[in-house]
Structure formats: C-alpha cells, structure tokens
Amino acid sequence: MASSTFNPGTKDKPRGTEFDKAKDAGHDAMQKTREAGQDAMQKTKEAGQDMMQKSKEMGDEAMQKVKQAGTEVIGKAKETATAAGELASHAACAVGQKADDLTSAAGHGLREFGDTIAKKAPHDGFAGATSQAVAEGVKGSGQYIEEHKLSGMARDVEHVIKNHPIPALMICFGVGFCMGRMFKD
C-alpha cells in the first residue's frame, strides 16, 4: 500500500485522503477568501457610493444656501438702489421746484423793478418815451420769468433751438469763441 504522506524531498505527488482533504481545505479557504474579498469590495463600493451620495446631498444643500443668500443679497441691493433712486428723484424734484420758486421770485422782483422805473422815470419827451419803453421791457421780462419759471424757459429755449438750429449753433460758436479769448488772456 502506498503512503499517503507528503515527503517534501521527493518529487512524487502525494496521493490519498489526507492530500485530498488538504486540497479541499485549501480550495475552501481560497473560496472563502475570495468571497470575503468580494464582500469587502462590495461593502467598500457601497460605502463609497453612500459617501458620494451624502457628499452630493451636502453639496446641493450648501449650493441652495449660497443661492438663497445670493438672492437675498441681490434683493437687498435692488431695494437699496430703488430707495436711493427714489431719494435722488425726490431730491431732484425738490431742487427743480426750489429753482422754479427762486426764478419766479426773481421774476416778481424784476417786474416790481419795472413798475418802479415806470413810476419814477420822466413821462414826457424823448427821455420819457425811452424810460417808459425800458420800464415796459423790464416789466414784461419780469412777468415772463415769473410765469414761466426756469423749467418753462428751458422748454422755450429748446423750442427756439429746434425751430432755428443754424442761428443757435452760430450763437454757441460765438459765445465759445468769446469765452476762449477771455480765458486765453
């Protein structure tokens, strides 16, 4: 009968039940190791997917919070800009109204000055006719300024420029030339 023990010094392969048992035990251990490795890989993969999902959810949540904060900041900026625009508009209206009031008051004063000239200036002769014409011109100018105010005068100047553009340009060039000569010296 042949021996069933393995002798490492010989090149003969052992035969028998002990070898088969060792072979089966090694095969079972190898299978269990492979299964344990696959289980570990699967669990690692699942854990990685869970971590990725949680990271994505946290990132999405953080992005939502950033978007919300950005929207709130933009909303506040719009509110502030709107409030500043309204404040500037009210201030401009108030300045415009004040300018119109001051212009009207100046026109009233000019008209009264024309009345004073008409009362105190001579009425007879060439000097009287001239002084009364000047007084009427000053009163008429004062009345125009008082009634139309600064905004009305601006509209009138706009209409004159639209209706007579060439003379308006010539006047602008003339005024610019004179100012240039004045500041040059």
Protein backbone atom coordinates (compact mmCIF):
# COMPACT_ATOMS: atom_id res chain seq x y z
CA MET A 1 0.00 0.00 0.00
CA ALA A 2 1.28 3.46 -0.87
CA SER A 3 1.98 6.04 1.73
CA SER A 4 -0.43 8.98 1.89
CA THR A 5 2.01 11.40 3.47
CA PHE A 6 3.79 14.05 1.52
CA ASN A 7 7.53 13.99 1.56
CA PRO A 8 8.92 17.36 0.52
CA GLY A 9 12.23 15.83 -0.51
CA THR A 10 10.68 13.73 -3.20
CA LYS A 11 9.24 14.83 -6.44
CA ASP A 12 6.40 12.43 -6.14
CA LYS A 13 2.94 13.92 -5.57
CA PRO A 14 1.23 12.55 -2.52
CA ARG A 15 -1.86 10.56 -3.10
CA GLY A 16 -4.56 9.69 -0.70
CA THR A 17 -7.18 11.11 1.53
CA GLU A 18 -5.04 13.45 3.57
CA PHE A 19 -3.86 15.20 0.43
CA ASP A 20 -7.39 15.40 -0.87
CA LYS A 21 -8.54 16.79 2.46
CA ALA A 22 -5.74 19.37 2.46
CA LYS A 23 -6.52 20.18 -1.15
CA ASP A 24 -10.23 20.56 -0.37
CA ALA A 25 -9.45 22.63 2.74
CA GLY A 26 -7.14 24.87 0.70
CA HIS A 27 -9.77 25.18 -2.01
CA ASP A 28 -12.44 26.02 0.61
CA ALA A 29 -10.13 28.57 2.26
CA MET A 30 -9.37 30.06 -1.15
CA GLN A 31 -13.09 30.24 -1.96
CA LYS A 32 -13.89 31.80 1.44
CA THR A 33 -11.05 34.32 0.98
CA ARG A 34 -12.33 35.16 -2.50
CA GLU A 35 -15.90 35.56 -1.18
CA ALA A 36 -14.67 37.62 1.77
CA GLY A 37 -12.67 39.81 -0.63
CA GLN A 38 -15.70 40.23 -2.90
CA ASP A 39 -17.88 41.04 0.11
CA ALA A 40 -15.31 43.56 1.33
CA MET A 41 -15.12 45.07 -2.18
CA GLN A 42 -18.91 45.27 -2.40
CA LYS A 43 -19.19 46.84 1.05
CA THR A 44 -16.40 49.30 0.20
CA LYS A 45 -18.11 50.15 -3.07
CA GLU A 46 -21.46 50.63 -1.32
CA ALA A 47 -19.83 52.73 1.40
CA GLY A 48 -18.12 54.83 -1.28
CA GLN A 49 -21.42 55.28 -3.13
CA ASP A 50 -23.14 56.22 0.13
CA MET A 51 -20.40 58.75 0.87
CA MET A 52 -20.63 60.13 -2.66
CA GLN A 53 -24.42 60.44 -2.35
CA LYS A 54 -24.14 62.13 1.05
CA SER A 55 -21.42 64.46 -0.28
CA LYS A 56 -23.59 65.33 -3.26
CA GLU A 57 -26.58 65.99 -0.99
CA MET A 58 -24.46 68.16 1.29
CA GLY A 59 -23.04 69.98 -1.73
CA ASP A 60 -26.53 70.52 -3.15
CA GLU A 61 -27.72 71.77 0.22
CA ALA A 62 -24.75 74.13 0.50
CA MET A 63 -25.34 75.36 -3.06
CA GLN A 64 -29.00 76.02 -2.26
CA LYS A 65 -27.98 78.02 0.81
CA VAL A 66 -25.45 80.01 -1.25
CA LYS A 67 -28.06 80.66 -3.96
CA GLN A 68 -30.58 81.72 -1.34
CA ALA A 69 -28.07 84.04 0.32
CA GLY A 70 -27.12 85.46 -3.07
CA THR A 71 -30.76 86.03 -3.94
CA GLU A 72 -31.30 87.78 -0.63
CA VAL A 73 -28.23 89.98 -1.18
CA ILE A 74 -29.37 90.87 -4.69
CA GLY A 75 -32.84 91.62 -3.38
CA LYS A 76 -31.44 93.89 -0.68
CA ALA A 77 -29.20 95.60 -3.25
CA LYS A 78 -32.18 96.18 -5.54
CA GLU A 79 -34.20 97.56 -2.65
CA THR A 80 -31.33 99.85 -1.68
CA ALA A 81 -30.82 101.00 -5.28
CA THR A 82 -34.54 101.62 -5.69
CA ALA A 83 -34.66 103.58 -2.45
CA ALA A 84 -31.58 105.58 -3.46
CA GLY A 85 -33.11 106.25 -6.89
CA GLU A 86 -36.36 107.42 -5.32
CA LEU A 87 -34.46 109.59 -2.89
CA ALA A 88 -32.42 111.11 -5.72
CA SER A 89 -35.60 111.65 -7.75
CA HIS A 90 -37.28 113.38 -4.82
CA ALA A 91 -34.16 115.47 -4.24
CA ALA A 92 -34.01 116.42 -7.94
CA CYS A 93 -37.70 117.34 -7.88
CA ALA A 94 -37.16 119.39 -4.75
CA VAL A 95 -34.15 121.14 -6.31
CA GLY A 96 -36.12 121.75 -9.51
CA GLN A 97 -39.06 123.09 -7.53
CA LYS A 98 -36.74 125.30 -5.48
CA ALA A 99 -35.11 126.61 -8.66
CA ASP A 100 -38.55 127.33 -10.15
CA ASP A 101 -39.60 129.11 -6.94
CA LEU A 102 -36.41 131.21 -6.88
CA THR A 103 -36.78 132.06 -10.58
CA SER A 104 -40.41 133.04 -10.03
CA ALA A 105 -39.38 135.25 -7.10
CA ALA A 106 -36.65 136.86 -9.22
CA GLY A 107 -39.18 137.49 -11.99
CA HIS A 108 -41.55 139.07 -9.48
CA GLY A 109 -38.76 141.31 -8.23
CA LEU A 110 -37.83 142.27 -11.81
CA ARG A 111 -41.45 143.13 -12.62
CA GLU A 112 -41.68 145.32 -9.50
CA PHE A 113 -38.41 147.00 -10.51
CA GLY A 114 -40.03 147.76 -13.91
CA ASP A 115 -43.03 149.27 -12.11
CA THR A 116 -40.69 151.42 -10.01
CA ILE A 117 -38.87 152.65 -13.14
CA ALA A 118 -42.20 153.48 -14.78
CA LYS A 119 -43.33 155.48 -11.74
CA LYS A 120 -40.10 157.39 -11.09
CA ALA A 121 -38.83 157.96 -14.63
CA PRO A 122 -39.86 161.01 -16.66
CA HIS A 123 -43.05 160.65 -18.69
CA ASP A 124 -42.65 163.49 -21.18
CA GLY A 125 -40.40 163.94 -24.16
CA PHE A 126 -37.82 161.69 -25.71
CA ALA A 127 -36.35 160.68 -22.33
CA GLY A 128 -39.82 159.86 -21.01
CA ALA A 129 -40.69 157.69 -24.03
CA THR A 130 -37.35 155.89 -23.75
CA SER A 131 -37.62 155.36 -19.99
CA GLN A 132 -41.21 154.11 -20.31
CA ALA A 133 -40.16 151.69 -23.08
CA VAL A 134 -37.34 150.39 -20.88
CA ALA A 135 -39.75 150.10 -17.93
CA GLU A 136 -42.26 148.15 -20.05
CA GLY A 137 -39.46 145.86 -21.31
CA VAL A 138 -38.27 145.17 -17.75
CA LYS A 139 -41.85 144.57 -16.53
CA GLY A 140 -42.58 142.24 -19.46
CA SER A 141 -39.36 140.28 -18.83
CA GLY A 142 -40.16 140.02 -15.13
CA GLN A 143 -43.70 138.87 -15.85
CA TYR A 144 -42.41 136.24 -18.35
CA ILE A 145 -39.83 134.93 -15.85
CA GLU A 146 -42.37 134.92 -13.01
CA GLU A 147 -44.99 133.00 -15.03
CA HIS A 148 -42.78 130.54 -16.93
CA LYS A 149 -40.17 129.92 -14.24
CA LEU A 150 -36.90 128.12 -15.04
CA SER A 151 -38.49 124.94 -16.39
CA GLY A 152 -40.75 126.87 -18.79
CA MET A 153 -37.83 128.98 -20.01
CA ALA A 154 -35.83 125.80 -20.66
CA ARG A 155 -38.71 124.44 -22.78
CA ASP A 156 -38.90 127.74 -24.68
CA VAL A 157 -35.15 127.69 -25.37
CA GLU A 158 -35.47 124.08 -26.55
CA HIS A 159 -38.25 125.09 -28.99
CA VAL A 160 -36.22 128.02 -30.31
CA ILE A 161 -33.19 125.78 -30.89
CA LYS A 162 -35.32 123.13 -32.64
CA ASN A 163 -37.00 125.73 -34.85
CA HIS A 164 -33.78 127.69 -35.61
CA PRO A 165 -30.80 125.29 -35.36
CA ILE A 166 -28.30 127.20 -37.55
CA PRO A 167 -28.58 130.52 -35.69
CA ALA A 168 -28.44 128.62 -32.38
CA LEU A 169 -25.18 126.94 -33.44
CA MET A 170 -23.74 130.28 -34.58
CA ILE A 171 -24.58 131.82 -31.21
CA CYS A 172 -22.93 128.87 -29.41
CA PHE A 173 -19.80 129.21 -31.54
CA GLY A 174 -19.71 132.96 -30.92
CA VAL A 175 -20.10 132.58 -27.16
CA GLY A 176 -17.47 129.82 -27.13
CA PHE A 177 -15.07 131.97 -29.17
CA CYS A 178 -15.53 134.94 -26.84
CA MET A 179 -15.06 132.80 -23.73
CA GLY A 180 -11.95 131.23 -25.25
CA ARG A 181 -10.48 134.65 -25.97
CA MET A 182 -11.38 135.83 -22.49
CA PHE A 183 -9.71 132.87 -20.76
CA LYS A 184 -6.72 132.93 -23.10
CA ASP A 185 -5.61 136.35 -21.95
